[in-house]
């Protein structure tokens, strides 16, 4: 059974009563991880909720969620008093804080961490060494998350995401034994989704002068009638390889949306984002190997359920 613990701004810890219902949602950076829980409450203790800033959820002694409390609500009625608490994963701290505009002659990974990550109490799950980037620019209005994502994903090839323990992970996916979703698993719902909207057929990146430009295409999607282009402006001194990578990355990331599968399993924590899944159900046209893009775990009147959003194993997130 999941155990929920609130932590207040002054360090006080408060275990929640056994929840009536809850939801934990996990992604790969976008959307941000989130939580919601409803529990019985004692009228008159509302100030505990008002002081709460963090929440941690454990299952069987293992931490399965760490996050930031965004909103608390208590309701008193003839049926008694209940509390609802909601919020997001630790990524919220980077999303909510804005970075100042700056141009780096040479941006190092250590400097990015020092400026945009560690000030918010966020630690790395594993040490990584990303290459320095020449002429790296932070535009006005960028969140700390965008700075981190652009540096790590565009230039370092790393996928920034957060662990259930609330730490920042940038190491490659671990290609372990795939999770088997075969006839022996209590799958209650299957959805195959083929979506053309938002899939790009062409991306052009250019500097602000318009002279230096690079265009890449998705020939397979174009051959199937796809017509959706984007133009991205980059700083004047962006090099040829950086321009091409930005274009190809945007193209590849949109292609990951072309086909997805949604699976609902009557079990908690059936798989985590990044896990490989082998889907083998008779009479189903969405079988094969997939990678988990999103995972939502819920407890309600019908019991436990995990809903997984699956994408191509080679998809760019």
Protein backbone atom coordinates (compact mmCIF):
# COMPACT_ATOMS: atom_id res chain seq x y z
CA UNK A 1 0.00 0.00 0.00
CA UNK A 2 1.32 3.44 -0.94
CA UNK A 3 2.30 5.70 1.95
CA UNK A 4 2.18 9.49 1.47
CA UNK A 5 4.27 11.93 3.53
CA UNK A 6 4.07 15.72 3.43
CA UNK A 7 7.09 17.85 4.31
CA UNK A 8 6.55 21.43 5.47
CA UNK A 9 8.74 24.43 4.75
CA UNK A 10 10.31 24.17 8.23
CA UNK A 11 11.20 20.47 7.87
CA UNK A 12 8.24 18.96 9.72
CA UNK A 13 7.05 15.66 8.24
CA UNK A 14 3.39 14.66 8.31
CA UNK A 15 2.20 11.22 7.12
CA UNK A 16 -1.17 11.39 5.41
CA UNK A 17 -4.05 9.15 6.48
CA UNK A 18 -4.78 6.23 4.16
CA UNK A 19 -5.86 7.87 0.87
CA UNK A 20 -9.31 7.35 -0.57
CA UNK A 21 -8.06 7.82 -4.14
CA UNK A 22 -4.87 8.97 -5.84
CA UNK A 23 -3.13 9.46 -9.18
CA UNK A 24 0.57 9.56 -10.09
CA UNK A 25 1.59 10.60 -13.59
CA UNK A 26 5.08 10.18 -15.02
CA UNK A 27 6.55 11.39 -18.30
CA UNK A 28 9.86 12.14 -19.97
CA UNK A 29 10.15 15.84 -19.24
CA UNK A 30 7.03 16.81 -21.18
CA UNK A 31 4.54 16.67 -19.62
CA UNK A 32 5.94 17.25 -16.15
CA UNK A 33 5.31 14.48 -13.60
CA UNK A 34 2.30 15.20 -11.39
CA UNK A 35 0.25 13.85 -8.49
CA UNK A 36 -3.20 14.13 -6.95
CA UNK A 37 -4.48 12.54 -3.74
CA UNK A 38 -7.75 12.65 -1.78
CA UNK A 39 -7.76 11.57 1.85
CA UNK A 40 -9.82 11.84 5.04
CA UNK A 41 -8.85 14.86 7.10
CA UNK A 42 -9.36 16.29 10.57
CA UNK A 43 -11.11 19.64 10.62
CA UNK A 44 -8.97 22.30 12.27
CA UNK A 45 -5.64 21.02 10.90
CA UNK A 46 -5.76 23.02 7.68
CA UNK A 47 -2.56 24.91 8.57
CA UNK A 48 -0.56 21.70 8.11
CA UNK A 49 -1.58 21.64 4.47
CA UNK A 50 -0.89 25.36 4.07
CA UNK A 51 2.69 24.80 5.29
CA UNK A 52 3.39 21.78 3.03
CA UNK A 53 5.94 22.25 0.23
CA UNK A 54 6.99 18.70 -0.73
CA UNK A 55 5.48 15.23 -0.90
CA UNK A 56 7.00 11.77 -1.06
CA UNK A 57 5.21 8.53 -1.88
CA UNK A 58 6.59 5.10 -1.02
CA UNK A 59 5.34 1.66 -2.00
CA UNK A 60 6.78 -1.39 -0.27
CA UNK A 61 9.62 0.70 1.13
CA UNK A 62 10.58 2.06 -2.32
CA UNK A 63 10.17 5.73 -3.23
CA UNK A 64 7.80 5.95 -6.20
CA UNK A 65 7.24 9.72 -6.33
CA UNK A 66 8.85 12.91 -5.03
CA UNK A 67 7.34 16.25 -5.83
CA UNK A 68 6.30 19.81 -5.14
CA UNK A 69 2.96 20.64 -3.50
CA UNK A 70 1.06 23.13 -5.67
CA UNK A 71 -2.44 23.19 -4.16
CA UNK A 72 -4.33 21.90 -1.12
CA UNK A 73 -8.07 21.97 -0.51
CA UNK A 74 -10.10 20.82 2.47
CA UNK A 75 -13.84 20.18 2.29
CA UNK A 76 -16.23 19.72 5.18
CA UNK A 77 -19.73 18.35 4.54
CA UNK A 78 -22.30 16.04 6.09
CA UNK A 79 -20.15 13.13 4.89
CA UNK A 80 -17.15 14.34 6.89
CA UNK A 81 -13.94 16.20 6.14
CA UNK A 82 -11.62 15.38 3.26
CA UNK A 83 -8.48 16.93 1.81
CA UNK A 84 -7.25 17.01 -1.77
CA UNK A 85 -3.60 17.73 -2.53
CA UNK A 86 -2.05 18.13 -5.96
CA UNK A 87 1.26 19.13 -7.45
CA UNK A 88 4.09 18.24 -9.79
CA UNK A 89 7.41 16.45 -9.83
CA UNK A 90 10.71 18.16 -8.95
CA UNK A 91 11.01 19.39 -12.54
CA UNK A 92 8.46 22.01 -11.50
CA UNK A 93 11.21 23.97 -9.73
CA UNK A 94 13.08 24.37 -13.02
CA UNK A 95 9.91 25.17 -14.96
CA UNK A 96 8.81 27.84 -12.49
CA UNK A 97 12.10 29.75 -12.33
CA UNK A 98 13.13 32.01 -15.18
CA UNK A 99 16.71 32.41 -16.34
CA UNK A 100 18.33 35.70 -17.32
CA UNK A 101 19.28 36.18 -20.95
CA UNK A 102 22.98 35.52 -21.50
CA UNK A 103 25.41 34.56 -24.28
CA UNK A 104 28.17 32.12 -23.38
CA UNK A 105 31.37 32.15 -25.41
CA UNK A 106 31.87 28.61 -24.10
CA UNK A 107 29.20 26.98 -21.90
CA UNK A 108 30.36 24.04 -19.80
CA UNK A 109 28.16 21.40 -18.19
CA UNK A 110 29.47 22.41 -14.76
CA UNK A 111 28.38 26.02 -15.34
CA UNK A 112 24.90 24.96 -16.52
CA UNK A 113 24.44 22.87 -13.37
CA UNK A 114 25.74 25.63 -11.11
CA UNK A 115 23.45 28.30 -12.56
CA UNK A 116 20.26 26.49 -13.45
CA UNK A 117 19.94 23.24 -11.48
CA UNK A 118 21.71 23.03 -8.11
CA UNK A 119 20.32 26.34 -6.74
CA UNK A 120 16.95 24.59 -6.52
CA UNK A 121 18.17 21.66 -4.46
CA UNK A 122 18.11 19.21 -7.38
CA UNK A 123 20.79 16.51 -7.49
CA UNK A 124 21.95 14.23 -10.29
CA UNK A 125 21.11 10.55 -10.06
CA UNK A 126 24.39 9.71 -11.80
CA UNK A 127 27.34 11.85 -12.73
CA UNK A 128 27.54 12.67 -16.45
CA UNK A 129 30.04 14.63 -18.49
CA UNK A 130 28.41 16.55 -21.32
CA UNK A 131 30.56 18.36 -23.90
CA UNK A 132 31.09 22.12 -23.68
CA UNK A 133 29.16 24.21 -26.20
CA UNK A 134 30.57 27.24 -28.00
CA UNK A 135 28.33 30.30 -28.42
CA UNK A 136 25.48 28.92 -26.31
CA UNK A 137 22.71 31.48 -25.85
CA UNK A 138 19.93 31.73 -23.26
CA UNK A 139 17.06 33.81 -24.62
CA UNK A 140 14.99 36.17 -22.50
CA UNK A 141 12.02 34.45 -20.86
CA UNK A 142 13.54 30.97 -20.90
CA UNK A 143 12.88 28.75 -17.90
CA UNK A 144 15.74 26.98 -16.18
CA UNK A 145 14.27 23.75 -17.55
CA UNK A 146 14.49 25.02 -21.13
CA UNK A 147 18.13 26.02 -20.64
CA UNK A 148 18.94 22.58 -19.25
CA UNK A 149 16.95 20.78 -21.92
CA UNK A 150 18.48 22.73 -24.82
CA UNK A 151 22.01 22.20 -23.56
CA UNK A 152 21.63 18.52 -22.71
CA UNK A 153 19.33 17.37 -25.53
CA UNK A 154 20.38 19.46 -28.51
CA UNK A 155 24.12 19.51 -27.85
CA UNK A 156 24.81 16.57 -25.54
CA UNK A 157 22.34 14.04 -26.93
CA UNK A 158 21.07 13.28 -23.40
CA UNK A 159 17.39 12.93 -22.44
CA UNK A 160 16.70 14.97 -19.26
CA UNK A 161 14.07 13.43 -17.01
CA UNK A 162 13.42 12.91 -13.30
CA UNK A 163 13.51 9.71 -11.27
CA UNK A 164 10.75 8.74 -8.80
CA UNK A 165 13.18 9.85 -6.09
CA UNK A 166 13.21 13.37 -7.51
CA UNK A 167 16.73 13.32 -8.98
CA UNK A 168 17.72 14.54 -12.42
CA UNK A 169 18.74 11.73 -14.79
CA UNK A 170 20.66 12.22 -18.04
CA UNK A 171 22.22 8.79 -18.57
CA UNK A 172 21.14 6.66 -21.57
CA UNK A 173 18.12 4.37 -21.36
CA UNK A 174 18.93 1.05 -19.76
CA UNK A 175 18.00 -1.66 -22.23
CA UNK A 176 17.02 -4.29 -19.70
CA UNK A 177 14.56 -7.14 -20.06
CA UNK A 178 11.37 -5.78 -21.65
CA UNK A 179 8.15 -5.80 -19.63
CA UNK A 180 5.89 -8.52 -21.09
CA UNK A 181 2.27 -7.53 -21.65
CA UNK A 182 0.98 -10.86 -22.92
CA UNK A 183 -2.23 -12.80 -22.42
CA UNK A 184 -1.31 -13.50 -18.79
CA UNK A 185 -1.38 -9.82 -17.81
CA UNK A 186 -4.74 -8.24 -16.80
CA UNK A 187 -4.95 -5.70 -19.63
CA UNK A 188 -8.35 -3.96 -19.49
CA UNK A 189 -8.04 -1.54 -22.39
CA UNK A 190 -5.99 -1.11 -25.59
CA UNK A 191 -5.95 1.95 -27.84
CA UNK A 192 -3.94 2.37 -31.02
CA UNK A 193 -3.60 6.00 -32.10
CA UNK A 194 -2.39 7.11 -35.55
CA UNK A 195 -2.04 10.91 -35.50
CA UNK A 196 -0.84 13.00 -38.42
CA UNK A 197 -1.47 16.36 -36.79
CA UNK A 198 1.77 17.89 -35.52
CA UNK A 199 4.05 15.50 -37.41
CA UNK A 200 6.54 17.60 -39.39
CA UNK A 201 7.44 16.98 -43.02
CA UNK A 202 10.13 19.68 -43.19
CA UNK A 203 12.13 21.84 -40.78
CA UNK A 204 14.32 24.80 -41.71
CA UNK A 205 16.65 26.43 -39.20
CA UNK A 206 18.39 29.70 -39.97
CA UNK A 207 20.19 32.49 -38.17
CA UNK A 208 18.58 35.87 -37.66
CA UNK A 209 20.25 37.27 -40.79
CA UNK A 210 18.63 34.57 -42.92
CA UNK A 211 21.84 33.81 -44.82
CA UNK A 212 22.92 30.68 -42.92
CA UNK A 213 20.19 28.06 -43.14
CA UNK A 214 19.69 24.30 -43.13
CA UNK A 215 16.62 22.32 -44.22
CA UNK A 216 15.85 18.68 -43.46
CA UNK A 217 12.86 16.60 -44.53
CA UNK A 218 10.96 13.49 -43.52
CA UNK A 219 10.68 11.82 -46.95
CA UNK A 220 8.54 8.91 -45.70
CA UNK A 221 5.93 11.23 -44.22
CA UNK A 222 5.99 13.49 -47.29
CA UNK A 223 5.42 10.44 -49.52
CA UNK A 224 2.32 9.68 -47.46
CA UNK A 225 0.93 13.16 -48.09
CA UNK A 226 2.39 14.91 -45.06
CA UNK A 227 2.64 18.70 -45.43
CA UNK A 228 3.65 20.44 -42.23
CA UNK A 229 6.76 22.66 -42.11
CA UNK A 230 8.46 24.78 -39.46
CA UNK A 231 11.08 27.55 -39.53
CA UNK A 232 13.29 28.00 -36.47
CA UNK A 233 15.45 31.10 -35.85
CA UNK A 234 18.79 30.56 -34.11
CA UNK A 235 21.50 33.00 -32.97
CA UNK A 236 23.68 34.41 -35.76
CA UNK A 237 26.79 32.47 -34.74
CA UNK A 238 25.19 29.02 -34.64
CA UNK A 239 27.36 26.57 -36.56
CA UNK A 240 26.33 24.33 -39.46
CA UNK A 241 26.27 21.09 -37.45
CA UNK A 242 24.26 22.69 -34.61
CA UNK A 243 21.72 24.04 -37.09
CA UNK A 244 21.33 20.67 -38.77
CA UNK A 245 21.02 18.84 -35.45
CA UNK A 246 18.28 21.21 -34.26
CA UNK A 247 16.34 20.64 -37.48
CA UNK A 248 16.73 16.85 -37.45
CA UNK A 249 15.87 16.66 -33.77
CA UNK A 250 12.60 18.56 -34.23
CA UNK A 251 11.74 16.35 -37.20
CA UNK A 252 12.48 13.13 -35.32
CA UNK A 253 10.66 14.22 -32.19
CA UNK A 254 7.47 15.02 -34.09
CA UNK A 255 7.69 11.66 -35.92
CA UNK A 256 7.38 9.91 -32.54
CA UNK A 257 3.78 11.15 -32.37
CA UNK A 258 2.73 9.44 -35.62
CA UNK A 259 1.74 6.19 -33.91
CA UNK A 260 1.30 5.46 -30.22
CA UNK A 261 -0.43 2.74 -28.22
CA UNK A 262 -2.22 3.22 -24.91
CA UNK A 263 -2.50 0.21 -22.60
CA UNK A 264 -4.38 0.04 -19.31
CA UNK A 265 -3.39 -2.72 -16.87
CA UNK A 266 -5.22 -3.58 -13.64
CA UNK A 267 -1.96 -3.44 -11.67
CA UNK A 268 0.02 -0.66 -9.95
CA UNK A 269 3.36 0.50 -11.39
CA UNK A 270 3.27 -1.89 -14.35
CA UNK A 271 6.15 -0.04 -16.08
CA UNK A 272 8.12 3.20 -15.93
CA UNK A 273 8.92 5.82 -18.61
CA UNK A 274 11.84 4.60 -20.67
CA UNK A 275 11.09 0.90 -20.11
CA UNK A 276 10.82 -1.38 -23.11
CA UNK A 277 7.51 -3.25 -23.43
CA UNK A 278 6.67 -6.33 -25.48
CA UNK A 279 2.98 -6.17 -26.33
CA UNK A 280 1.57 -9.52 -27.43
CA UNK A 281 -2.22 -9.72 -27.50
CA UNK A 282 -4.15 -11.97 -29.85
CA UNK A 283 -6.22 -10.21 -32.49
CA UNK A 284 -4.55 -6.86 -31.84
CA UNK A 285 -2.85 -4.81 -34.55
CA UNK A 286 -0.56 -2.86 -32.24
CA UNK A 287 1.68 -5.68 -31.06
CA UNK A 288 5.47 -5.68 -30.96
CA UNK A 289 8.15 -3.88 -28.98
CA UNK A 290 7.51 -0.37 -27.68
CA UNK A 291 9.05 2.12 -25.26
CA UNK A 292 7.05 3.69 -22.42
CA UNK A 293 6.62 7.42 -23.00
CA UNK A 294 4.16 8.13 -20.18
CA UNK A 295 2.82 6.20 -17.22
CA UNK A 296 -0.21 7.00 -15.06
CA UNK A 297 -0.90 4.98 -11.91
CA UNK A 298 -4.24 5.38 -10.13
CA UNK A 299 -6.16 4.03 -7.17
CA UNK A 300 -9.93 4.50 -7.22
CA UNK A 301 -13.17 2.66 -6.61
CA UNK A 302 -12.22 0.03 -9.19
CA UNK A 303 -8.83 -0.59 -7.56
CA UNK A 304 -5.38 -0.13 -9.04
CA UNK A 305 -4.71 0.69 -12.68
CA UNK A 306 -1.67 1.67 -14.74
CA UNK A 307 -2.13 3.39 -18.09
CA UNK A 308 0.93 3.37 -20.35
CA UNK A 309 1.49 5.48 -23.45
CA UNK A 310 3.85 3.56 -25.74
CA UNK A 311 5.94 4.89 -28.63
CA UNK A 312 8.47 3.48 -31.11
CA UNK A 313 11.56 2.17 -29.23
CA UNK A 314 13.77 4.49 -31.30
CA UNK A 315 11.51 7.51 -30.79
CA UNK A 316 13.11 10.82 -29.83
CA UNK A 317 11.61 12.34 -26.68
